Amino acid sequence: MHSFTSLFNRQDWDTIVADIYSKTSEDVETALHNNKRTLEDFKALISPAAAPYLEQMAQLSSALTKKRFGNTMQMFAPMYLSNECQNICTYCGFSVTNKIPRRTLTDVEILKEANFLKNKGYNHILLVTGEANKTVGVDYINKAIKLLNKEFANITIEVQPLDQNDYELLSKNGLYAVLVYQETYHKEEYKKHHPKGKKSNFYYRLETPDRLGKAGVHKIGLGALFGLEDWRADSFYTALHLQYLQKTYWQTKYSISFPRLRPHSGGLEPKVIMEDADLAQLICAYRLLDEDVELSISTRESEKFRNNIINFGITSMSAESKTNPGGYVVEPESLEQFEISDDRSTETITAMLKEKDFEVVWKDWETFSLAPNKHN
């Protein structure tokens, strides 16, 4: 069966890094003037040579985003259901090596958290768990989705990678989208950061979007965790992965997220620093490569950065996020997966968006019955 692995194995990390860093201002200008941009253009747009062109990139990115999405911003909120995890991940507060109190929400507690978010206006929700198959495996996730399906128009999950038949089951019961970040596409570095647990299987994780596509999941979210390796190379691999998926599973929608390493219990320092200007450049480069892909920014980023970057091509953002199970009302003091940076209330952020002439969108997708209309 086909998968991204065959294409991935034909790439060479060091060659890609050399290609990106060898791009010139002429390459950048060519990319900016092209109407249809290639992955080679993308390399130029994320290269150091493109840094002086950020203002021009931002203007083009903003124009393309408004043409495709209008002045809209989709709002979503994460709901952490559990911090149980069987993996060792050097960058995560939920890593099994961290001696912390573990917590998994009950049905009643899930509904309490859901009620808080519903009252805030959210209709798009992201369910998050650690990777612990016995505690928060498919049965638990399926039960949570069925529990919340009547409460929210759109349910996304960010949990352990699953098999195709598992995704088919979850989709049948209300799953809309799945976020699965490769963390880093550098195989050796990946192994250093994931030495134990199911997540240590690099290729099983790499092929998760293929399983999602084959299962017919409506939307797939991709990304890399910036700070583990060279962000430019990881971003190129993400773009390569995106284009492969779009060609192979053309009926599926796609999104890109931009998580940067944040402080947590365990305290891994970033190997590579990604400055704010770098992230702004990258967001613009993705938009110039792809007018249709959804670009999402989380509360990992600062208030100042988020206020500015929404004009550059972002189409989706979270607000008032809690990264601990029960963090909204059930158990606010439980351990966070990582520290958030922008802790403004939902109301404050929506007011800011409206001030900047954005239409705040709480719900943008509806499931319609395909049954024939008897009155026709």
Protein backbone atom coordinates (compact mmCIF):
# COMPACT_ATOMS: atom_id res chain seq x y z
CA MET A 1 0.00 0.00 0.00
CA HIS A 2 1.28 3.45 -0.88
CA SER A 3 2.36 5.89 1.83
CA PHE A 4 4.47 8.99 2.31
CA THR A 5 7.36 6.79 3.48
CA SER A 6 8.57 6.00 -0.04
CA LEU A 7 8.77 9.69 -0.94
CA PHE A 8 10.31 10.55 2.42
CA ASN A 9 13.06 7.94 2.02
CA ARG A 10 14.12 9.50 -1.27
CA GLN A 11 14.95 12.77 0.51
CA ASP A 12 18.23 13.61 2.23
CA TRP A 13 18.08 15.96 5.22
CA ASP A 14 21.57 17.45 4.75
CA THR A 15 20.98 18.08 1.05
CA ILE A 16 17.72 19.87 1.80
CA VAL A 17 19.39 22.03 4.44
CA ALA A 18 22.17 22.92 1.99
CA ASP A 19 19.61 23.76 -0.72
CA ILE A 20 17.66 26.07 1.56
CA TYR A 21 20.72 27.92 2.87
CA SER A 22 22.15 28.34 -0.64
CA LYS A 23 19.11 30.25 -1.92
CA THR A 24 19.85 33.80 -3.07
CA SER A 25 17.92 37.07 -3.23
CA GLU A 26 17.34 36.35 -6.94
CA ASP A 27 15.68 33.04 -6.00
CA VAL A 28 13.48 34.86 -3.50
CA GLU A 29 12.43 37.49 -6.03
CA THR A 30 11.62 34.80 -8.59
CA ALA A 31 9.46 33.02 -6.01
CA LEU A 32 7.66 36.24 -5.12
CA HIS A 33 6.84 36.96 -8.75
CA ASN A 34 5.62 33.45 -9.59
CA ASN A 35 1.86 32.99 -9.61
CA LYS A 36 2.08 29.24 -8.94
CA ARG A 37 4.86 28.50 -6.47
CA THR A 38 6.77 25.24 -6.21
CA LEU A 39 8.56 23.55 -3.33
CA GLU A 40 11.78 25.06 -4.69
CA ASP A 41 10.15 28.48 -4.37
CA PHE A 42 9.14 27.53 -0.83
CA LYS A 43 12.78 26.75 -0.01
CA ALA A 44 13.69 30.25 -1.17
CA LEU A 45 10.90 31.85 0.85
CA ILE A 46 11.98 30.15 4.11
CA SER A 47 15.70 30.74 3.49
CA PRO A 48 17.81 33.38 5.28
CA ALA A 49 17.93 35.20 1.95
CA ALA A 50 14.19 35.93 2.25
CA ALA A 51 14.42 37.72 5.62
CA PRO A 52 14.79 41.22 4.04
CA TYR A 53 11.63 40.55 2.00
CA LEU A 54 9.36 39.89 4.99
CA GLU A 55 7.23 43.01 4.49
CA GLN A 56 6.61 42.17 0.83
CA MET A 57 5.84 38.54 1.75
CA ALA A 58 3.42 39.70 4.44
CA GLN A 59 1.53 41.95 2.03
CA LEU A 60 1.18 39.17 -0.54
CA SER A 61 0.21 36.63 2.13
CA SER A 62 -2.44 38.94 3.57
CA ALA A 63 -3.94 39.60 0.15
CA LEU A 64 -4.10 35.89 -0.71
CA THR A 65 -5.69 35.05 2.64
CA LYS A 66 -8.36 37.71 2.28
CA LYS A 67 -9.11 36.55 -1.27
CA ARG A 68 -9.65 32.97 -0.15
CA PHE A 69 -10.96 33.31 3.45
CA GLY A 70 -12.18 36.91 3.66
CA ASN A 71 -11.66 38.74 6.96
CA THR A 72 -12.64 35.72 9.07
CA MET A 73 -11.01 34.03 12.03
CA GLN A 74 -12.09 30.56 13.13
CA MET A 75 -12.02 30.15 16.93
CA PHE A 76 -11.35 26.85 18.69
CA ALA A 77 -10.45 25.67 22.19
CA PRO A 78 -8.47 22.68 23.41
CA MET A 79 -9.92 20.40 26.06
CA TYR A 80 -7.35 18.20 27.80
CA LEU A 81 -8.97 14.96 28.90
CA SER A 82 -5.96 13.17 30.42
CA ASN A 83 -2.25 13.56 31.24
CA GLU A 84 -1.70 9.79 31.39
CA CYS A 85 1.16 8.82 29.07
CA GLN A 86 3.35 5.78 28.43
CA ASN A 87 5.94 7.61 26.29
CA ILE A 88 9.20 9.27 27.12
CA CYS A 89 9.24 12.59 25.27
CA THR A 90 12.02 14.95 26.30
CA TYR A 91 10.00 18.10 25.59
CA CYS A 92 6.65 17.24 27.22
CA GLY A 93 5.39 17.72 30.75
CA PHE A 94 3.29 14.55 30.45
CA SER A 95 6.32 12.30 29.77
CA VAL A 96 6.16 9.06 31.78
CA THR A 97 9.49 9.95 33.43
CA ASN A 98 7.98 13.04 35.08
CA LYS A 99 6.75 12.15 38.57
CA ILE A 100 3.46 14.03 38.50
CA PRO A 101 -0.11 13.32 39.62
CA ARG A 102 -1.94 11.69 36.72
CA ARG A 103 -5.53 12.61 35.94
CA THR A 104 -8.14 11.35 33.47
CA LEU A 105 -11.53 13.04 33.30
CA THR A 106 -14.76 11.15 33.91
CA ASP A 107 -17.87 11.61 31.76
CA VAL A 108 -19.32 14.07 34.26
CA GLU A 109 -16.10 16.07 34.36
CA ILE A 110 -15.86 16.13 30.55
CA LEU A 111 -19.36 17.61 30.37
CA LYS A 112 -18.48 20.24 32.98
CA GLU A 113 -15.49 21.36 30.92
CA ALA A 114 -17.62 21.27 27.77
CA ASN A 115 -20.30 23.43 29.39
CA PHE A 116 -17.71 26.09 30.25
CA LEU A 117 -16.47 26.23 26.66
CA LYS A 118 -20.00 26.20 25.18
CA ASN A 119 -20.92 29.16 27.36
CA LYS A 120 -17.88 31.00 26.00
CA GLY A 121 -19.25 30.50 22.48
CA TYR A 122 -16.98 27.70 21.22
CA ASN A 123 -18.36 25.23 18.70
CA HIS A 124 -14.99 23.87 17.55
CA ILE A 125 -13.21 21.81 20.18
CA LEU A 126 -9.86 20.02 20.22
CA LEU A 127 -9.70 16.96 22.49
CA VAL A 128 -6.18 16.21 23.78
CA THR A 129 -4.78 13.27 25.74
CA GLY A 130 -1.42 11.77 26.49
CA GLU A 131 -0.54 8.52 24.77
CA ALA A 132 -1.66 5.76 27.12
CA ASN A 133 -3.48 3.02 25.24
CA LYS A 134 -4.92 1.19 28.27
CA THR A 135 -6.24 4.32 30.00
CA VAL A 136 -7.14 6.67 27.15
CA GLY A 137 -7.21 4.34 24.15
CA VAL A 138 -9.76 4.12 21.35
CA ASP A 139 -12.65 3.14 23.63
CA TYR A 140 -12.16 6.17 25.89
CA ILE A 141 -11.74 8.58 22.95
CA ASN A 142 -14.76 7.12 21.15
CA LYS A 143 -16.89 7.49 24.28
CA ALA A 144 -15.76 11.12 24.71
CA ILE A 145 -16.59 11.95 21.08
CA LYS A 146 -20.06 10.41 21.36
CA LEU A 147 -20.59 12.29 24.62
CA LEU A 148 -19.66 15.64 23.04
CA ASN A 149 -21.03 15.15 19.53
CA LYS A 150 -24.35 16.78 20.44
CA GLU A 151 -22.61 19.67 22.18
CA PHE A 152 -20.20 20.81 19.46
CA ALA A 153 -20.43 21.21 15.69
CA ASN A 154 -16.83 20.19 15.18
CA ILE A 155 -14.66 17.76 17.17
CA THR A 156 -10.94 17.47 16.50
CA ILE A 157 -8.53 15.18 18.36
CA GLU A 158 -4.83 15.31 19.13
CA VAL A 159 -4.10 11.91 20.66
CA GLN A 160 -1.88 8.90 20.00
CA PRO A 161 -1.68 7.74 16.35
CA LEU A 162 -4.25 5.03 15.66
CA ASP A 163 -4.95 2.38 13.04
CA GLN A 164 -7.14 3.08 10.00
CA ASN A 165 -10.12 1.10 11.34
CA ASP A 166 -9.97 3.09 14.59
CA TYR A 167 -10.23 6.36 12.67
CA GLU A 168 -13.13 4.95 10.66
CA LEU A 169 -14.96 4.12 13.91
CA LEU A 170 -14.32 7.55 15.41
CA SER A 171 -15.41 9.32 12.20
CA LYS A 172 -18.67 7.38 12.22
CA ASN A 173 -19.35 8.70 15.73
CA GLY A 174 -18.60 12.37 15.08
CA LEU A 175 -14.84 12.90 14.62
CA TYR A 176 -14.16 15.81 12.24
CA ALA A 177 -10.38 16.29 12.20
CA VAL A 178 -7.12 14.91 13.56
CA LEU A 179 -3.95 16.83 14.38
CA VAL A 180 -0.79 14.72 14.21
CA TYR A 181 2.54 16.50 14.42
CA GLN A 182 5.62 14.61 13.34
CA GLU A 183 7.56 16.73 15.90
CA THR A 184 10.68 16.47 13.70
CA TYR A 185 11.29 14.75 10.37
CA HIS A 186 14.95 14.16 11.31
CA LYS A 187 15.00 10.43 12.07
CA GLU A 188 18.02 10.42 14.35
CA GLU A 189 16.91 13.46 16.34
CA TYR A 190 13.40 12.01 16.56
CA LYS A 191 14.80 8.89 18.23
CA LYS A 192 16.73 11.00 20.78
CA HIS A 193 13.55 12.75 21.87
CA HIS A 194 11.32 9.63 21.84
CA PRO A 195 13.43 6.80 23.33
CA LYS A 196 10.54 4.80 24.83
CA GLY A 197 6.89 4.11 24.15
CA LYS A 198 4.78 3.65 21.03
CA LYS A 199 5.73 7.13 19.88
CA SER A 200 9.32 5.95 19.40
CA ASN A 201 8.17 4.26 16.17
CA PHE A 202 9.10 7.01 13.69
CA TYR A 203 7.48 5.44 10.63
CA TYR A 204 4.21 4.54 12.32
CA ARG A 205 3.80 8.20 13.20
CA LEU A 206 4.97 9.34 9.76
CA GLU A 207 2.30 7.22 8.07
CA THR A 208 -0.55 8.37 10.35
CA PRO A 209 -1.84 10.99 7.85
CA ASP A 210 -2.00 8.23 5.21
CA ARG A 211 -4.18 6.15 7.52
CA LEU A 212 -6.34 9.22 8.16
CA GLY A 213 -6.71 9.85 4.44
CA LYS A 214 -7.67 6.24 3.75
CA ALA A 215 -10.18 6.38 6.62
CA GLY A 216 -11.85 9.42 5.04
CA VAL A 217 -11.29 11.80 7.97
CA HIS A 218 -12.55 15.23 6.93
CA LYS A 219 -9.46 17.27 7.89
CA ILE A 220 -5.83 16.47 8.73
CA GLY A 221 -3.58 18.84 10.66
CA LEU A 222 0.20 18.74 10.17
CA GLY A 223 3.14 20.45 11.84
CA ALA A 224 6.56 20.16 13.45
CA LEU A 225 7.67 21.20 16.94
CA PHE A 226 10.09 24.06 16.36
CA GLY A 227 13.15 23.91 18.57
CA LEU A 228 14.05 20.24 18.18
CA GLU A 229 15.90 20.63 14.86
CA ASP A 230 16.47 23.11 12.03
CA TRP A 231 13.05 24.70 11.60
CA ARG A 232 13.58 25.41 7.92
CA ALA A 233 14.25 21.76 7.04
CA ASP A 234 11.35 20.52 9.19
CA SER A 235 9.06 23.05 7.50
CA PHE A 236 10.14 21.89 4.06
CA TYR A 237 9.36 18.28 4.97
CA THR A 238 5.96 19.39 6.30
CA ALA A 239 5.26 21.16 2.98
CA LEU A 240 6.39 18.08 1.05
CA HIS A 241 4.11 15.94 3.22
CA LEU A 242 1.21 18.35 2.67
CA GLN A 243 1.52 18.31 -1.11
CA TYR A 244 1.79 14.52 -1.20
CA LEU A 245 -1.39 14.22 0.91
CA GLN A 246 -3.28 16.77 -1.18
CA LYS A 247 -2.49 14.85 -4.33
CA THR A 248 -3.27 11.44 -2.79
CA TYR A 249 -6.33 12.30 -0.67
CA TRP A 250 -7.66 15.22 -2.64
CA GLN A 251 -11.08 15.33 -0.97
CA THR A 252 -9.54 15.99 2.46
CA LYS A 253 -8.97 19.43 3.98
CA TYR A 254 -5.61 20.31 5.55
CA SER A 255 -4.24 22.65 8.18
CA ILE A 256 -0.78 23.61 9.39
CA SER A 257 0.08 24.56 12.97
CA PHE A 258 3.23 26.23 14.27
CA PRO A 259 4.09 25.04 17.79
CA ARG A 260 7.34 26.39 19.25
CA LEU A 261 8.98 24.64 22.19
CA ARG A 262 7.60 26.11 25.42
CA PRO A 263 8.68 25.70 29.08
CA HIS A 264 7.34 22.60 30.85
CA SER A 265 8.06 20.27 33.74
CA GLY A 266 11.25 18.58 32.54
CA GLY A 267 12.70 21.70 30.98
CA LEU A 268 14.23 20.81 27.58
CA GLU A 269 16.00 23.82 26.11
CA PRO A 270 15.50 24.39 22.36
CA LYS A 271 18.34 23.12 20.19
CA VAL A 272 17.48 25.75 17.59
CA ILE A 273 15.95 29.12 18.43
CA MET A 274 13.15 30.29 16.16
CA GLU A 275 12.73 34.04 16.47
CA ASP A 276 9.40 35.81 16.00
CA ALA A 277 10.54 37.16 12.62
CA ASP A 278 11.41 33.59 11.54
CA LEU A 279 7.93 32.36 12.42
CA ALA A 280 6.30 35.29 10.63
CA GLN A 281 8.40 34.51 7.55
CA LEU A 282 7.40 30.86 7.68
CA ILE A 283 3.67 31.59 8.00
CA CYS A 284 3.83 33.87 4.97
CA ALA A 285 5.82 31.27 3.01
CA TYR A 286 3.15 28.61 3.61
CA ARG A 287 0.42 30.97 2.46
CA LEU A 288 2.39 31.91 -0.68
CA LEU A 289 2.84 28.20 -1.41
CA ASP A 290 -0.81 27.28 -0.79
CA GLU A 291 -3.78 29.67 -0.87
CA ASP A 292 -6.21 27.10 0.52
CA VAL A 293 -4.47 25.50 3.49
CA GLU A 294 -5.72 26.57 6.92
CA LEU A 295 -3.01 28.14 9.10
CA SER A 296 -3.50 28.00 12.87
CA ILE A 297 -1.82 29.80 15.78
CA SER A 298 -2.14 28.78 19.42
CA THR A 299 -1.77 30.45 22.80
CA ARG A 300 1.84 29.20 22.94
CA GLU A 301 2.62 32.54 21.29
CA SER A 302 2.68 35.94 23.01
CA GLU A 303 -0.14 38.47 22.99
CA LYS A 304 1.93 40.92 20.94
CA PHE A 305 2.94 38.34 18.35
CA ARG A 306 -0.59 36.98 17.94
CA ASN A 307 -2.05 40.45 17.58
CA ASN A 308 0.29 41.08 14.64
CA ILE A 309 0.50 37.68 12.95
CA ILE A 310 -3.26 37.38 12.40
CA ASN A 311 -2.85 39.90 9.58
CA PHE A 312 -0.25 37.73 7.79
CA GLY A 313 -2.29 34.67 6.82
CA ILE A 314 -3.60 32.98 9.96
CA THR A 315 -7.15 31.63 9.62
CA SER A 316 -7.66 29.83 12.94
CA MET A 317 -6.69 30.56 16.55
CA SER A 318 -7.34 29.37 20.07
CA ALA A 319 -8.04 31.52 23.11
CA GLU A 320 -8.09 31.13 26.91
CA SER A 321 -6.48 27.68 26.50
CA LYS A 322 -5.74 25.34 29.39
CA THR A 323 -3.22 22.54 28.81
CA ASN A 324 -4.09 20.46 31.87
CA PRO A 325 -6.93 17.94 32.29
CA GLY A 326 -9.88 19.69 33.89
CA GLY A 327 -8.08 23.01 33.61
CA TYR A 328 -11.17 25.14 32.94
CA VAL A 329 -13.37 24.25 35.93
CA VAL A 330 -12.73 20.72 37.24
CA GLU A 331 -9.13 20.95 38.45
CA PRO A 332 -7.50 24.25 37.44
CA GLU A 333 -4.31 23.58 39.42
CA SER A 334 -3.36 20.25 37.80
CA LEU A 335 -0.08 20.06 35.89
CA GLU A 336 0.05 21.74 32.48
CA GLN A 337 1.57 20.03 29.45
CA PHE A 338 3.40 23.28 28.71
CA GLU A 339 3.07 26.93 29.72
CA ILE A 340 0.86 29.09 27.55
CA SER A 341 1.99 32.61 26.71
CA ASP A 342 -1.20 34.44 25.72
CA ASP A 343 -3.59 34.04 28.67
CA ARG A 344 -6.18 36.63 27.64
CA SER A 345 -9.84 35.75 27.97
CA THR A 346 -11.94 34.66 25.01
CA GLU A 347 -13.88 37.91 25.27
CA THR A 348 -10.71 40.03 25.15
CA ILE A 349 -9.38 38.23 22.09
CA THR A 350 -12.67 38.37 20.20
CA ALA A 351 -12.89 42.09 20.96
CA MET A 352 -9.37 42.55 19.60
CA LEU A 353 -10.29 40.67 16.42
CA LYS A 354 -13.41 42.76 15.88
CA GLU A 355 -11.36 45.94 16.39
CA LYS A 356 -9.15 44.75 13.54
CA ASP A 357 -12.24 44.16 11.37
CA PHE A 358 -12.19 40.38 11.60
CA GLU A 359 -15.42 38.40 11.61
CA VAL A 360 -15.18 35.87 14.43
CA VAL A 361 -16.39 32.46 13.24
CA TRP A 362 -17.50 29.89 15.80
CA LYS A 363 -18.91 27.31 13.41
CA ASP A 364 -18.21 26.79 9.72
CA TRP A 365 -19.06 23.20 8.83
CA GLU A 366 -22.27 21.25 8.99
CA THR A 367 -23.03 17.58 8.38
CA PHE A 368 -25.85 17.28 5.86
CA SER A 369 -27.84 14.16 5.14
CA LEU A 370 -27.32 12.75 1.65
CA ALA A 371 -30.70 11.00 1.71
CA PRO A 372 -32.91 11.81 -1.32
CA ASN A 373 -35.47 14.56 -0.89
CA LYS A 374 -38.91 12.90 -1.08
CA HIS A 375 -40.53 16.14 -2.13
CA ASN A 376 -38.55 16.37 -5.40
